[in-house]
Structures are given as structure tokens and as C-alpha cells.
Amino acid sequence: MKVVVGYRATEAGRAALAEAVSHGRAHGSELVLVVPAAERADADDALAAAGAEAEVVEVGDDRQAETELLDRSYEDDTQMLVIGLRRRSPVGKLFLGSTAQRLLLEAGCPVVAVKPEVAPRR
């Protein structure tokens, strides 16, 4: 079985990777990392820091990443899709984000949406 994660060089992307690595280790799943080519070096560093190995799929831009993630979500051996979400402004909350929304609604497997840790409010 495989866990597919959409990775960006952001706090949300690193949180998604950490969740995917944790789940993969707990369930003996292979990890597939979909990453924009321009962020490959950061992805390699993040994998090394997590002590994890993954099949890395480079894509050109966000649209290609979205398509790749959706395609992978329909493969028989894909157990889950993991994506990162970021905090949004009050106006931004009206829209989840077109990529995240599409993945949540159209994926062919369970989707785990992860937010990065935030400092507690005081």
C-alpha cells in the first residue's frame, strides 16, 4: 500500500510530510511524494531530516501536482492522500482553496488534510 503526499516547501507541506511518514511507518506503507521540480532540493532535505525514503514525483507546477495527486488517488494500491492546509484570512475562509477543495472532493481514496502547529492564543 502507498501513502501519497503533496509537498510544498512550506510549514503546511512539512506538516503533511510528517503525517505521511508517521502513517507510513505505522502501517508499513510506501511513501510517494509529489513535489514541484523547483522545490525538489527542499523535499530531499525534509525526507532526510525525517529519516524517510520515498518515490519522488517531480511536477512542473500546481496544476500538474493537482492532476498527479488525483490520478494517484485512484490507483488500487493508494491507501490515502495527505495534503497540507494553511491558515486563511477571514475573507480567504470563504474559499477553502481551489486545489485543496478539489482534492478533498474528487480524490478516489481517503484524504487527510493537515495543518501546521500554531502557537496557542493568549
PDB file of N, CA and C in Angstrom:
ATOM      1  N   MET A   1       0.838  -1.175   0.000  1.00  0.00           N
ATOM      2  CA  MET A   1       0.000   0.000   0.000  1.00  0.00           C
ATOM      3  C   MET A   1       0.892   1.251   0.000  1.00  0.00           C
ATOM      4  N   LYS A   2       0.310   2.344  -0.513  1.00  0.00           N
ATOM      5  CA  LYS A   2       1.061   3.590  -0.626  1.00  0.00           C
ATOM      6  C   LYS A   2       0.317   4.749   0.030  1.00  0.00           C
ATOM      7  N   VAL A   3       1.105   5.643   0.596  1.00  0.00           N
ATOM      8  CA  VAL A   3       0.607   6.926   1.080  1.00  0.00           C
ATOM      9  C   VAL A   3       1.188   7.972   0.147  1.00  0.00           C
ATOM     10  N   VAL A   4       0.321   8.759  -0.471  1.00  0.00           N
ATOM     11  CA  VAL A   4       0.746   9.789  -1.421  1.00  0.00           C
ATOM     12  C   VAL A   4       0.614  11.136  -0.734  1.00  0.00           C
ATOM     13  N   VAL A   5       1.666  11.942  -0.798  1.00  0.00           N
ATOM     14  CA  VAL A   5       1.643  13.251  -0.135  1.00  0.00           C
ATOM     15  C   VAL A   5       2.012  14.340  -1.135  1.00  0.00           C
ATOM     16  N   GLY A   6       1.233  15.422  -1.107  1.00  0.00           N
ATOM     17  CA  GLY A   6       1.550  16.601  -1.894  1.00  0.00           C
ATOM     18  C   GLY A   6       2.466  17.484  -1.065  1.00  0.00           C
ATOM     19  N   TYR A   7       3.656  17.769  -1.561  1.00  0.00           N
ATOM     20  CA  TYR A   7       4.648  18.513  -0.781  1.00  0.00           C
ATOM     21  C   TYR A   7       4.934  19.868  -1.400  1.00  0.00           C
ATOM     22  N   ARG A   8       4.945  20.880  -0.555  1.00  0.00           N
ATOM     23  CA  ARG A   8       5.438  22.221  -0.907  1.00  0.00           C
ATOM     24  C   ARG A   8       6.425  22.617   0.177  1.00  0.00           C
ATOM     25  N   ALA A   9       7.342  23.501  -0.128  1.00  0.00           N
ATOM     26  CA  ALA A   9       8.352  23.947   0.832  1.00  0.00           C
ATOM     27  C   ALA A   9       7.751  25.020   1.748  1.00  0.00           C
ATOM     28  N   THR A  10       6.746  24.617   2.517  1.00  0.00           N
ATOM     29  CA  THR A  10       6.051  25.499   3.458  1.00  0.00           C
ATOM     30  C   THR A  10       5.852  24.730   4.763  1.00  0.00           C
ATOM     31  N   GLU A  11       5.415  25.431   5.798  1.00  0.00           N
ATOM     32  CA  GLU A  11       5.107  24.760   7.059  1.00  0.00           C
ATOM     33  C   GLU A  11       4.007  23.723   6.861  1.00  0.00           C
ATOM     34  N   ALA A  12       3.000  24.065   6.058  1.00  0.00           N
ATOM     35  CA  ALA A  12       1.909  23.122   5.790  1.00  0.00           C
ATOM     36  C   ALA A  12       2.429  21.894   5.043  1.00  0.00           C
ATOM     37  N   GLY A  13       3.338  22.099   4.104  1.00  0.00           N
ATOM     38  CA  GLY A  13       3.920  20.984   3.366  1.00  0.00           C
ATOM     39  C   GLY A  13       4.747  20.073   4.252  1.00  0.00           C
ATOM     40  N   ARG A  14       5.511  20.675   5.162  1.00  0.00           N
ATOM     41  CA  ARG A  14       6.309  19.864   6.082  1.00  0.00           C
ATOM     42  C   ARG A  14       5.414  19.102   7.065  1.00  0.00           C
ATOM     43  N   ALA A  15       4.305  19.722   7.485  1.00  0.00           N
ATOM     44  CA  ALA A  15       3.353  19.031   8.370  1.00  0.00           C
ATOM     45  C   ALA A  15       2.721  17.842   7.650  1.00  0.00           C
ATOM     46  N   ALA A  16       2.384  18.021   6.380  1.00  0.00           N
ATOM     47  CA  ALA A  16       1.807  16.925   5.591  1.00  0.00           C
ATOM     48  C   ALA A  16       2.816  15.787   5.452  1.00  0.00           C
ATOM     49  N   LEU A  17       4.068  16.122   5.188  1.00  0.00           N
ATOM     50  CA  LEU A  17       5.096  15.094   5.059  1.00  0.00           C
ATOM     51  C   LEU A  17       5.268  14.340   6.373  1.00  0.00           C
ATOM     52  N   ALA A  18       5.310  15.057   7.489  1.00  0.00           N
ATOM     53  CA  ALA A  18       5.467  14.404   8.791  1.00  0.00           C
ATOM     54  C   ALA A  18       4.315  13.433   9.060  1.00  0.00           C
ATOM     55  N   GLU A  19       3.095  13.824   8.736  1.00  0.00           N
ATOM     56  CA  GLU A  19       1.934  12.944   8.928  1.00  0.00           C
ATOM     57  C   GLU A  19       2.026  11.720   8.027  1.00  0.00           C
ATOM     58  N   ALA A  20       2.420  11.918   6.784  1.00  0.00           N
ATOM     59  CA  ALA A  20       2.541  10.800   5.841  1.00  0.00           C
ATOM     60  C   ALA A  20       3.626   9.824   6.289  1.00  0.00           C
ATOM     61  N   VAL A  21       4.750  10.352   6.744  1.00  0.00           N
ATOM     62  CA  VAL A  21       5.845   9.490   7.219  1.00  0.00           C
ATOM     63  C   VAL A  21       5.378   8.697   8.436  1.00  0.00           C
ATOM     64  N   SER A  22       4.704   9.361   9.367  1.00  0.00           N
ATOM     65  CA  SER A  22       4.204   8.698  10.574  1.00  0.00           C
ATOM     66  C   SER A  22       3.227   7.577  10.218  1.00  0.00           C
ATOM     67  N   HIS A  23       2.287   7.869   9.355  1.00  0.00           N
ATOM     68  CA  HIS A  23       1.302   6.872   8.945  1.00  0.00           C
ATOM     69  C   HIS A  23       1.974   5.715   8.195  1.00  0.00           C
ATOM     70  N   GLY A  24       2.887   6.062   7.309  1.00  0.00           N
ATOM     71  CA  GLY A  24       3.585   5.042   6.537  1.00  0.00           C
ATOM     72  C   GLY A  24       4.360   4.082   7.418  1.00  0.00           C
ATOM     73  N   ARG A  25       5.031   4.613   8.424  1.00  0.00           N
ATOM     74  CA  ARG A  25       5.796   3.759   9.340  1.00  0.00           C
ATOM     75  C   ARG A  25       4.862   2.873  10.165  1.00  0.00           C
ATOM     76  N   ALA A  26       3.767   3.443  10.635  1.00  0.00           N
ATOM     77  CA  ALA A  26       2.829   2.695  11.478  1.00  0.00           C
ATOM     78  C   ALA A  26       2.157   1.556  10.715  1.00  0.00           C
ATOM     79  N   HIS A  27       1.964   1.735   9.418  1.00  0.00           N
ATOM     80  CA  HIS A  27       1.218   0.757   8.637  1.00  0.00           C
ATOM     81  C   HIS A  27       2.060   0.038   7.579  1.00  0.00           C
ATOM     82  N   GLY A  28       3.358   0.302   7.577  1.00  0.00           N
ATOM     83  CA  GLY A  28       4.235  -0.360   6.613  1.00  0.00           C
ATOM     84  C   GLY A  28       3.961   0.038   5.175  1.00  0.00           C
ATOM     85  N   SER A  29       3.521   1.276   4.974  1.00  0.00           N
ATOM     86  CA  SER A  29       3.177   1.758   3.636  1.00  0.00           C
ATOM     87  C   SER A  29       4.358   2.442   2.975  1.00  0.00           C
ATOM     88  N   GLU A  30       4.410   2.332   1.658  1.00  0.00           N
ATOM     89  CA  GLU A  30       5.399   3.078   0.883  1.00  0.00           C
ATOM     90  C   GLU A  30       4.946   4.530   0.802  1.00  0.00           C
ATOM     91  N   LEU A  31       5.901   5.428   0.648  1.00  0.00           N
ATOM     92  CA  LEU A  31       5.608   6.853   0.556  1.00  0.00           C
ATOM     93  C   LEU A  31       5.878   7.345  -0.857  1.00  0.00           C
ATOM     94  N   VAL A  32       4.932   8.096  -1.406  1.00  0.00           N
ATOM     95  CA  VAL A  32       5.089   8.731  -2.710  1.00  0.00           C
ATOM     96  C   VAL A  32       4.957  10.224  -2.484  1.00  0.00           C
ATOM     97  N   LEU A  33       5.964  10.977  -2.864  1.00  0.00           N
ATOM     98  CA  LEU A  33       5.999  12.416  -2.655  1.00  0.00           C
ATOM     99  C   LEU A  33       5.854  13.116  -3.998  1.00  0.00           C
ATOM    100  N   VAL A  34       4.801  13.922  -4.135  1.00  0.00           N
ATOM    101  CA  VAL A  34       4.582  14.710  -5.353  1.00  0.00           C
ATOM    102  C   VAL A  34       5.031  16.135  -5.034  1.00  0.00           C
ATOM    103  N   VAL A  35       6.008  16.629  -5.786  1.00  0.00           N
ATOM    104  CA  VAL A  35       6.639  17.909  -5.453  1.00  0.00           C
ATOM    105  C   VAL A  35       6.944  18.698  -6.725  1.00  0.00           C
ATOM    106  N   PRO A  36       6.743  20.037  -6.687  1.00  0.00           N
ATOM    107  CA  PRO A  36       7.171  20.858  -7.823  1.00  0.00           C
ATOM    108  C   PRO A  36       8.691  20.738  -8.005  1.00  0.00           C
ATOM    109  N   ALA A  37       9.130  20.654  -9.243  1.00  0.00           N
ATOM    110  CA  ALA A  37      10.552  20.460  -9.534  1.00  0.00           C
ATOM    111  C   ALA A  37      11.420  21.521  -8.855  1.00  0.00           C
ATOM    112  N   ALA A  38      10.937  22.747  -8.781  1.00  0.00           N
ATOM    113  CA  ALA A  38      11.717  23.829  -8.177  1.00  0.00           C
ATOM    114  C   ALA A  38      11.920  23.636  -6.673  1.00  0.00           C
ATOM    115  N   GLU A  39      11.137  22.765  -6.052  1.00  0.00           N
ATOM    116  CA  GLU A  39      11.225  22.551  -4.604  1.00  0.00           C
ATOM    117  C   GLU A  39      11.800  21.178  -4.258  1.00  0.00           C
ATOM    118  N   ARG A  40      12.397  20.516  -5.246  1.00  0.00           N
ATOM    119  CA  ARG A  40      12.926  19.162  -5.044  1.00  0.00           C
ATOM    120  C   ARG A  40      14.019  19.130  -3.987  1.00  0.00           C
ATOM    121  N   ALA A  41      14.914  20.082  -4.000  1.00  0.00           N
ATOM    122  CA  ALA A  41      16.012  20.075  -3.025  1.00  0.00           C
ATOM    123  C   ALA A  41      15.472  20.172  -1.604  1.00  0.00           C
ATOM    124  N   ASP A  42      14.479  21.030  -1.387  1.00  0.00           N
ATOM    125  CA  ASP A  42      13.875  21.152  -0.068  1.00  0.00           C
ATOM    126  C   ASP A  42      13.194  19.842   0.326  1.00  0.00           C
ATOM    127  N   ALA A  43      12.534  19.207  -0.628  1.00  0.00           N
ATOM    128  CA  ALA A  43      11.861  17.934  -0.353  1.00  0.00           C
ATOM    129  C   ALA A  43      12.881  16.868   0.036  1.00  0.00           C
ATOM    130  N   ASP A  44      14.001  16.809  -0.666  1.00  0.00           N
ATOM    131  CA  ASP A  44      15.044  15.843  -0.327  1.00  0.00           C
ATOM    132  C   ASP A  44      15.579  16.090   1.083  1.00  0.00           C
ATOM    133  N   ASP A  45      15.779  17.365   1.433  1.00  0.00           N
ATOM    134  CA  ASP A  45      16.246  17.711   2.784  1.00  0.00           C
ATOM    135  C   ASP A  45      15.225  17.303   3.841  1.00  0.00           C
ATOM    136  N   ALA A  46      13.943  17.552   3.566  1.00  0.00           N
ATOM    137  CA  ALA A  46      12.881  17.202   4.513  1.00  0.00           C
ATOM    138  C   ALA A  46      12.792  15.691   4.695  1.00  0.00           C
ATOM    139  N   LEU A  47      12.932  14.933   3.622  1.00  0.00           N
ATOM    140  CA  LEU A  47      12.927  13.470   3.720  1.00  0.00           C
ATOM    141  C   LEU A  47      14.115  12.979   4.551  1.00  0.00           C
ATOM    142  N   ALA A  48      15.284  13.551   4.293  1.00  0.00           N
ATOM    143  CA  ALA A  48      16.475  13.152   5.039  1.00  0.00           C
ATOM    144  C   ALA A  48      16.311  13.470   6.525  1.00  0.00           C
ATOM    145  N   ALA A  49      15.767  14.640   6.836  1.00  0.00           N
ATOM    146  CA  ALA A  49      15.549  15.035   8.230  1.00  0.00           C
ATOM    147  C   ALA A  49      14.563  14.096   8.923  1.00  0.00           C
ATOM    148  N   ALA A  50      13.592  13.579   8.168  1.00  0.00           N
ATOM    149  CA  ALA A  50      12.600  12.658   8.728  1.00  0.00           C
ATOM    150  C   ALA A  50      13.121  11.227   8.761  1.00  0.00           C
ATOM    151  N   GLY A  51      14.280  10.993   8.146  1.00  0.00           N
ATOM    152  CA  GLY A  51      14.824   9.645   8.078  1.00  0.00           C
ATOM    153  C   GLY A  51      13.946   8.717   7.255  1.00  0.00           C
ATOM    154  N   ALA A  52      13.350   9.273   6.208  1.00  0.00           N
ATOM    155  CA  ALA A  52      12.399   8.509   5.390  1.00  0.00           C
ATOM    156  C   ALA A  52      12.877   8.414   3.947  1.00  0.00           C
ATOM    157  N   GLU A  53      12.386   7.387   3.280  1.00  0.00           N
ATOM    158  CA  GLU A  53      12.628   7.218   1.856  1.00  0.00           C
ATOM    159  C   GLU A  53      11.291   7.307   1.144  1.00  0.00           C
ATOM    160  N   ALA A  54      11.317   7.802  -0.086  1.00  0.00           N
ATOM    161  CA  ALA A  54      10.075   7.939  -0.846  1.00  0.00           C
ATOM    162  C   ALA A  54      10.366   7.887  -2.334  1.00  0.00           C
ATOM    163  N   GLU A  55       9.351   7.494  -3.063  1.00  0.00           N
ATOM    164  CA  GLU A  55       9.364   7.684  -4.509  1.00  0.00           C
ATOM    165  C   GLU A  55       9.020   9.153  -4.715  1.00  0.00           C
ATOM    166  N   VAL A  56       9.880   9.902  -5.370  1.00  0.00           N
ATOM    167  CA  VAL A  56       9.635  11.327  -5.572  1.00  0.00           C
ATOM    168  C   VAL A  56       9.197  11.558  -7.014  1.00  0.00           C
ATOM    169  N   VAL A  57       8.045  12.193  -7.168  1.00  0.00           N
ATOM    170  CA  VAL A  57       7.492  12.508  -8.482  1.00  0.00           C
ATOM    171  C   VAL A  57       7.546  14.018  -8.647  1.00  0.00           C
ATOM    172  N   GLU A  58       8.384  14.477  -9.558  1.00  0.00           N
ATOM    173  CA  GLU A  58       8.504  15.912  -9.814  1.00  0.00           C
ATOM    174  C   GLU A  58       7.465  16.345 -10.829  1.00  0.00           C
ATOM    175  N   VAL A  59       6.851  17.496 -10.553  1.00  0.00           N
ATOM    176  CA  VAL A  59       5.886  18.086 -11.475  1.00  0.00           C
ATOM    177  C   VAL A  59       6.291  19.528 -11.735  1.00  0.00           C
ATOM    178  N   GLY A  60       5.753  20.096 -12.798  1.00  0.00           N
ATOM    179  CA  GLY A  60       6.152  21.442 -13.185  1.00  0.00           C
ATOM    180  C   GLY A  60       5.492  22.559 -12.401  1.00  0.00           C
ATOM    181  N   ASP A  61       4.217  22.405 -12.072  1.00  0.00           N
ATOM    182  CA  ASP A  61       3.504  23.486 -11.386  1.00  0.00           C
ATOM    183  C   ASP A  61       2.353  22.914 -10.565  1.00  0.00           C
ATOM    184  N   ASP A  62       1.583  23.822  -9.924  1.00  0.00           N
ATOM    185  CA  ASP A  62       0.489  23.398  -9.049  1.00  0.00           C
ATOM    186  C   ASP A  62      -0.583  22.612  -9.794  1.00  0.00           C
ATOM    187  N   ARG A  63      -0.894  22.993 -11.011  1.00  0.00           N
ATOM    188  CA  ARG A  63      -1.922  22.282 -11.796  1.00  0.00           C
ATOM    189  C   ARG A  63      -1.490  20.851 -12.062  1.00  0.00           C
ATOM    190  N   GLN A  64      -0.228  20.684 -12.422  1.00  0.00           N
ATOM    191  CA  GLN A  64       0.281  19.336 -12.676  1.00  0.00           C
ATOM    192  C   GLN A  64       0.319  18.518 -11.388  1.00  0.00           C
ATOM    193  N   ALA A  65       0.639  19.172 -10.269  1.00  0.00           N
ATOM    194  CA  ALA A  65       0.633  18.471  -8.976  1.00  0.00           C
ATOM    195  C   ALA A  65      -0.775  18.004  -8.636  1.00  0.00           C
ATOM    196  N   GLU A  66      -1.749  18.862  -8.828  1.00  0.00           N
ATOM    197  CA  GLU A  66      -3.145  18.513  -8.562  1.00  0.00           C
ATOM    198  C   GLU A  66      -3.565  17.309  -9.398  1.00  0.00           C
ATOM    199  N   THR A  67      -3.252  17.333 -10.674  1.00  0.00           N
ATOM    200  CA  THR A  67      -3.602  16.226 -11.569  1.00  0.00           C
ATOM    201  C   THR A  67      -2.903  14.942 -11.151  1.00  0.00           C
ATOM    202  N   GLU A  68      -1.616  15.026 -10.835  1.00  0.00           N
ATOM    203  CA  GLU A  68      -0.851  13.852 -10.406  1.00  0.00           C
ATOM    204  C   GLU A  68      -1.431  13.268  -9.118  1.00  0.00           C
ATOM    205  N   LEU A  69      -1.754  14.125  -8.151  1.00  0.00           N
ATOM    206  CA  LEU A  69      -2.319  13.650  -6.887  1.00  0.00           C
ATOM    207  C   LEU A  69      -3.669  12.970  -7.108  1.00  0.00           C
ATOM    208  N   LEU A  70      -4.511  13.564  -7.931  1.00  0.00           N
ATOM    209  CA  LEU A  70      -5.808  12.949  -8.226  1.00  0.00           C
ATOM    210  C   LEU A  70      -5.628  11.611  -8.937  1.00  0.00           C
ATOM    211  N   ASP A  71      -4.750  11.558  -9.931  1.00  0.00           N
ATOM    212  CA  ASP A  71      -4.508  10.302 -10.645  1.00  0.00           C
ATOM    213  C   ASP A  71      -4.017   9.223  -9.687  1.00  0.00           C
ATOM    214  N   ARG A  72      -3.071   9.573  -8.832  1.00  0.00           N
ATOM    215  CA  ARG A  72      -2.532   8.600  -7.876  1.00  0.00           C
ATOM    216  C   ARG A  72      -3.593   8.146  -6.883  1.00  0.00           C
ATOM    217  N   SER A  73      -4.540   9.026  -6.545  1.00  0.00           N
ATOM    218  CA  SER A  73      -5.572   8.672  -5.563  1.00  0.00           C
ATOM    219  C   SER A  73      -6.496   7.567  -6.057  1.00  0.00           C
ATOM    220  N   TYR A  74      -6.537   7.354  -7.363  1.00  0.00           N
ATOM    221  CA  TYR A  74      -7.393   6.315  -7.934  1.00  0.00           C
ATOM    222  C   TYR A  74      -6.660   4.997  -8.186  1.00  0.00           C
ATOM    223  N   GLU A  75      -5.358   4.955  -7.917  1.00  0.00           N
ATOM    224  CA  GLU A  75      -4.626   3.707  -8.087  1.00  0.00           C
ATOM    225  C   GLU A  75      -5.010   2.742  -6.972  1.00  0.00           C
ATOM    226  N   ASP A  76      -5.110   1.467  -7.316  1.00  0.00           N
ATOM    227  CA  ASP A  76      -5.576   0.455  -6.361  1.00  0.00           C
ATOM    228  C   ASP A  76      -4.726   0.364  -5.100  1.00  0.00           C
ATOM    229  N   ASP A  77      -3.430   0.626  -5.204  1.00  0.00           N
ATOM    230  CA  ASP A  77      -2.562   0.468  -4.044  1.00  0.00           C
ATOM    231  C   ASP A  77      -2.384   1.752  -3.228  1.00  0.00           C
ATOM    232  N   THR A  78      -3.138   2.803  -3.548  1.00  0.00           N
ATOM    233  CA  THR A  78      -3.053   4.036  -2.771  1.00  0.00           C
ATOM    234  C   THR A  78      -4.008   3.947  -1.585  1.00  0.00           C
ATOM    235  N   GLN A  79      -3.430   4.022  -0.412  1.00  0.00           N
ATOM    236  CA  GLN A  79      -4.170   3.911   0.836  1.00  0.00           C
ATOM    237  C   GLN A  79      -4.781   5.246   1.240  1.00  0.00           C
ATOM    238  N   MET A  80      -4.017   6.317   1.074  1.00  0.00           N
ATOM    239  CA  MET A  80      -4.506   7.642   1.434  1.00  0.00           C
ATOM    240  C   MET A  80      -3.677   8.723   0.758  1.00  0.00           C
ATOM    241  N   LEU A  81      -4.275   9.904   0.706  1.00  0.00           N
ATOM    242  CA  LEU A  81      -3.638  11.102   0.173  1.00  0.00           C
ATOM    243  C   LEU A  81      -3.490  12.072   1.334  1.00  0.00           C
ATOM    244  N   VAL A  82      -2.322  12.674   1.502  1.00  0.00           N
ATOM    245  CA  VAL A  82      -2.088  13.630   2.584  1.00  0.00           C
ATOM    246  C   VAL A  82      -1.724  14.974   1.966  1.00  0.00           C
ATOM    247  N   ILE A  83      -2.441  16.020   2.395  1.00  0.00           N
ATOM    248  CA  ILE A  83      -2.169  17.375   1.914  1.00  0.00           C
ATOM    249  C   ILE A  83      -2.057  18.320   3.107  1.00  0.00           C
ATOM    250  N   GLY A  84      -1.348  19.401   2.918  1.00  0.00           N
ATOM    251  CA  GLY A  84      -1.224  20.417   3.958  1.00  0.00           C
ATOM    252  C   GLY A  84      -2.171  21.570   3.678  1.00  0.00           C
ATOM    253  N   LEU A  85      -2.685  22.140   4.754  1.00  0.00           N
ATOM    254  CA  LEU A  85      -3.543  23.328   4.651  1.00  0.00           C
ATOM    255  C   LEU A  85      -2.893  24.455   5.430  1.00  0.00           C
ATOM    256  N   ARG A  86      -3.122  25.672   4.986  1.00  0.00           N
ATOM    257  CA  ARG A  86      -2.571  26.821   5.714  1.00  0.00           C
ATOM    258  C   ARG A  86      -3.711  27.655   6.289  1.00  0.00           C
ATOM    259  N   ARG A  87      -3.361  28.458   7.279  1.00  0.00           N
ATOM    260  CA  ARG A  87      -4.351  29.358   7.869  1.00  0.00           C
ATOM    261  C   ARG A  87      -4.763  30.374   6.817  1.00  0.00           C
ATOM    262  N   ARG A  88      -6.020  30.778   6.895  1.00  0.00           N
ATOM    263  CA  ARG A  88      -6.538  31.709   5.898  1.00  0.00           C
ATOM    264  C   ARG A  88      -7.107  32.939   6.589  1.00  0.00           C
ATOM    265  N   SER A  89      -7.127  34.035   5.874  1.00  0.00           N
ATOM    266  CA  SER A  89      -7.713  35.266   6.391  1.00  0.00           C
ATOM    267  C   SER A  89      -9.231  35.098   6.471  1.00  0.00           C
ATOM    268  N   PRO A  90      -9.939  35.999   7.154  1.00  0.00           N
ATOM    269  CA  PRO A  90     -11.405  35.892   7.205  1.00  0.00           C
ATOM    270  C   PRO A  90     -12.035  35.839   5.809  1.00  0.00           C
ATOM    271  N   VAL A  91     -11.531  36.651   4.887  1.00  0.00           N
ATOM    272  CA  VAL A  91     -12.061  36.606   3.522  1.00  0.00           C
ATOM    273  C   VAL A  91     -11.667  35.295   2.855  1.00  0.00           C
ATOM    274  N   GLY A  92     -10.444  34.851   3.086  1.00  0.00           N
ATOM    275  CA  GLY A  92      -9.969  33.601   2.496  1.00  0.00           C
ATOM    276  C   GLY A  92     -10.726  32.385   2.992  1.00  0.00           C
ATOM    277  N   LYS A  93     -11.340  32.499   4.172  1.00  0.00           N
ATOM    278  CA  LYS A  93     -12.098  31.377   4.709  1.00  0.00           C
ATOM    279  C   LYS A  93     -13.366  31.102   3.911  1.00  0.00           C
ATOM    280  N   LEU A  94     -13.789  32.077   3.124  1.00  0.00           N
ATOM    281  CA  LEU A  94     -14.949  31.840   2.268  1.00  0.00           C
ATOM    282  C   LEU A  94     -14.633  30.776   1.220  1.00  0.00           C
ATOM    283  N   PHE A  95     -13.352  30.659   0.907  1.00  0.00           N
ATOM    284  CA  PHE A  95     -12.892  29.688  -0.092  1.00  0.00           C
ATOM    285  C   PHE A  95     -11.826  28.823   0.554  1.00  0.00           C
ATOM    286  N   LEU A  96     -11.989  27.526   0.490  1.00  0.00           N
ATOM    287  CA  LEU A  96     -11.019  26.619   1.089  1.00  0.00           C
ATOM    288  C   LEU A  96      -9.687  26.695   0.354  1.00  0.00           C
ATOM    289  N   GLY A  97      -9.749  26.981  -0.892  1.00  0.00           N
ATOM    290  CA  GLY A  97      -8.571  26.937  -1.762  1.00  0.00           C
ATOM    291  C   GLY A  97      -8.909  25.961  -2.856  1.00  0.00           C
ATOM    292  N   SER A  98      -8.772  26.385  -4.066  1.00  0.00           N
ATOM    293  CA  SER A  98      -9.272  25.570  -5.170  1.00  0.00           C
ATOM    294  C   SER A  98      -8.594  24.207  -5.263  1.00  0.00           C
ATOM    295  N   THR A  99      -7.290  24.139  -5.049  1.00  0.00           N
ATOM    296  CA  THR A  99      -6.595  22.854  -5.141  1.00  0.00           C
ATOM    297  C   THR A  99      -7.016  21.935  -4.003  1.00  0.00           C
ATOM    298  N   ALA A 100      -6.967  22.429  -2.771  1.00  0.00           N
ATOM    299  CA  ALA A 100      -7.346  21.600  -1.625  1.00  0.00           C
ATOM    300  C   ALA A 100      -8.801  21.156  -1.734  1.00  0.00           C
ATOM    301  N   GLN A 101      -9.665  22.054  -2.122  1.00  0.00           N
ATOM    302  CA  GLN A 101     -11.078  21.710  -2.239  1.00  0.00           C
ATOM    303  C   GLN A 101     -11.287  20.625  -3.289  1.00  0.00           C
ATOM    304  N   ARG A 102     -10.650  20.767  -4.423  1.00  0.00           N
ATOM    305  CA  ARG A 102     -10.808  19.772  -5.480  1.00  0.00           C
ATOM    306  C   ARG A 102     -10.296  18.407  -5.035  1.00  0.00           C
ATOM    307  N   LEU A 103      -9.142  18.384  -4.358  1.00  0.00           N
ATOM    308  CA  LEU A 103      -8.593  17.118  -3.888  1.00  0.00           C
ATOM    309  C   LEU A 103      -9.513  16.463  -2.861  1.00  0.00           C
ATOM    310  N   LEU A 104     -10.029  17.256  -1.938  1.00  0.00           N
ATOM    311  CA  LEU A 104     -10.932  16.705  -0.924  1.00  0.00           C
ATOM    312  C   LEU A 104     -12.206  16.140  -1.542  1.00  0.00           C
ATOM    313  N   LEU A 105     -12.726  16.810  -2.547  1.00  0.00           N
ATOM    314  CA  LEU A 105     -13.996  16.399  -3.134  1.00  0.00           C
ATOM    315  C   LEU A 105     -13.872  15.312  -4.198  1.00  0.00           C
ATOM    316  N   GLU A 106     -12.756  15.276  -4.915  1.00  0.00           N
ATOM    317  CA  GLU A 106     -12.663  14.394  -6.072  1.00  0.00           C
ATOM    318  C   GLU A 106     -11.714  13.209  -5.926  1.00  0.00           C
ATOM    319  N   ALA A 107     -10.949  13.148  -4.843  1.00  0.00           N
ATOM    320  CA  ALA A 107      -9.980  12.056  -4.701  1.00  0.00           C
ATOM    321  C   ALA A 107     -10.681  10.706  -4.607  1.00  0.00           C
ATOM    322  N   GLY A 108     -10.009   9.692  -5.098  1.00  0.00           N
ATOM    323  CA  GLY A 108     -10.555   8.344  -5.103  1.00  0.00           C
ATOM    324  C   GLY A 108     -10.188   7.530  -3.874  1.00  0.00           C
ATOM    325  N   CYS A 109      -9.589   8.170  -2.876  1.00  0.00           N
ATOM    326  CA  CYS A 109      -9.211   7.497  -1.635  1.00  0.00           C
ATOM    327  C   CYS A 109      -9.397   8.494  -0.492  1.00  0.00           C
ATOM    328  N   PRO A 110      -9.273   8.039   0.752  1.00  0.00           N
ATOM    329  CA  PRO A 110      -9.368   8.993   1.869  1.00  0.00           C
ATOM    330  C   PRO A 110      -8.285  10.071   1.760  1.00  0.00           C
ATOM    331  N   VAL A 111      -8.657  11.288   2.154  1.00  0.00           N
ATOM    332  CA  VAL A 111      -7.730  12.419   2.147  1.00  0.00           C
ATOM    333  C   VAL A 111      -7.566  12.915   3.576  1.00  0.00           C
ATOM    334  N   VAL A 112      -6.325  13.062   4.000  1.00  0.00           N
ATOM    335  CA  VAL A 112      -6.024  13.633   5.302  1.00  0.00           C
ATOM    336  C   VAL A 112      -5.471  15.029   5.056  1.00  0.00           C
ATOM    337  N   ALA A 113      -6.139  16.035   5.603  1.00  0.00           N
ATOM    338  CA  ALA A 113      -5.698  17.425   5.477  1.00  0.00           C
ATOM    339  C   ALA A 113      -5.054  17.833   6.801  1.00  0.00           C
ATOM    340  N   VAL A 114      -3.800  18.258   6.747  1.00  0.00           N
ATOM    341  CA  VAL A 114      -3.011  18.549   7.941  1.00  0.00           C
ATOM    342  C   VAL A 114      -2.679  20.028   7.992  1.00  0.00           C
ATOM    343  N   LYS A 115      -2.828  20.606   9.178  1.00  0.00           N
ATOM    344  CA  LYS A 115      -2.412  21.991   9.395  1.00  0.00           C
ATOM    345  C   LYS A 115      -1.128  21.994  10.194  1.00  0.00           C
ATOM    346  N   PRO A 116      -0.256  22.961   9.948  1.00  0.00           N
ATOM    347  CA  PRO A 116       0.958  23.048  10.772  1.00  0.00           C
ATOM    348  C   PRO A 116       0.597  23.466  12.196  1.00  0.00           C
ATOM    349  N   GLU A 117       1.461  23.109  13.134  1.00  0.00           N
ATOM    350  CA  GLU A 117       1.218  23.513  14.514  1.00  0.00           C
ATOM    351  C   GLU A 117       1.285  25.023  14.621  1.00  0.00           C
ATOM    352  N   VAL A 118       0.390  25.572  15.432  1.00  0.00           N
ATOM    353  CA  VAL A 118       0.393  27.014  15.664  1.00  0.00           C
ATOM    354  C   VAL A 118       0.538  27.255  17.148  1.00  0.00           C
ATOM    355  N   ALA A 119       1.121  28.381  17.478  1.00  0.00           N
ATOM    356  CA  ALA A 119       1.270  28.744  18.896  1.00  0.00           C
ATOM    357  C   ALA A 119      -0.106  29.012  19.487  1.00  0.00           C
ATOM    358  N   PRO A 120      -0.345  28.593  20.723  1.00  0.00           N
ATOM    359  CA  PRO A 120      -1.655  28.838  21.327  1.00  0.00           C
ATOM    360  C   PRO A 120      -1.918  30.321  21.508  1.00  0.00           C
ATOM    361  N   ARG A 121      -3.174  30.689  21.388  1.00  0.00           N
ATOM    362  CA  ARG A 121      -3.565  32.094  21.583  1.00  0.00           C
ATOM    363  C   ARG A 121      -3.489  32.460  23.063  1.00  0.00           C
ATOM    364  N   ARG A 122      -3.172  33.686  23.302  1.00  0.00           N
ATOM    365  CA  ARG A 122      -3.090  34.162  24.688  1.00  0.00           C
ATOM    366  C   ARG A 122      -4.115  35.199  24.942  1.00  0.00           C
TER     367      ARG A 122
END
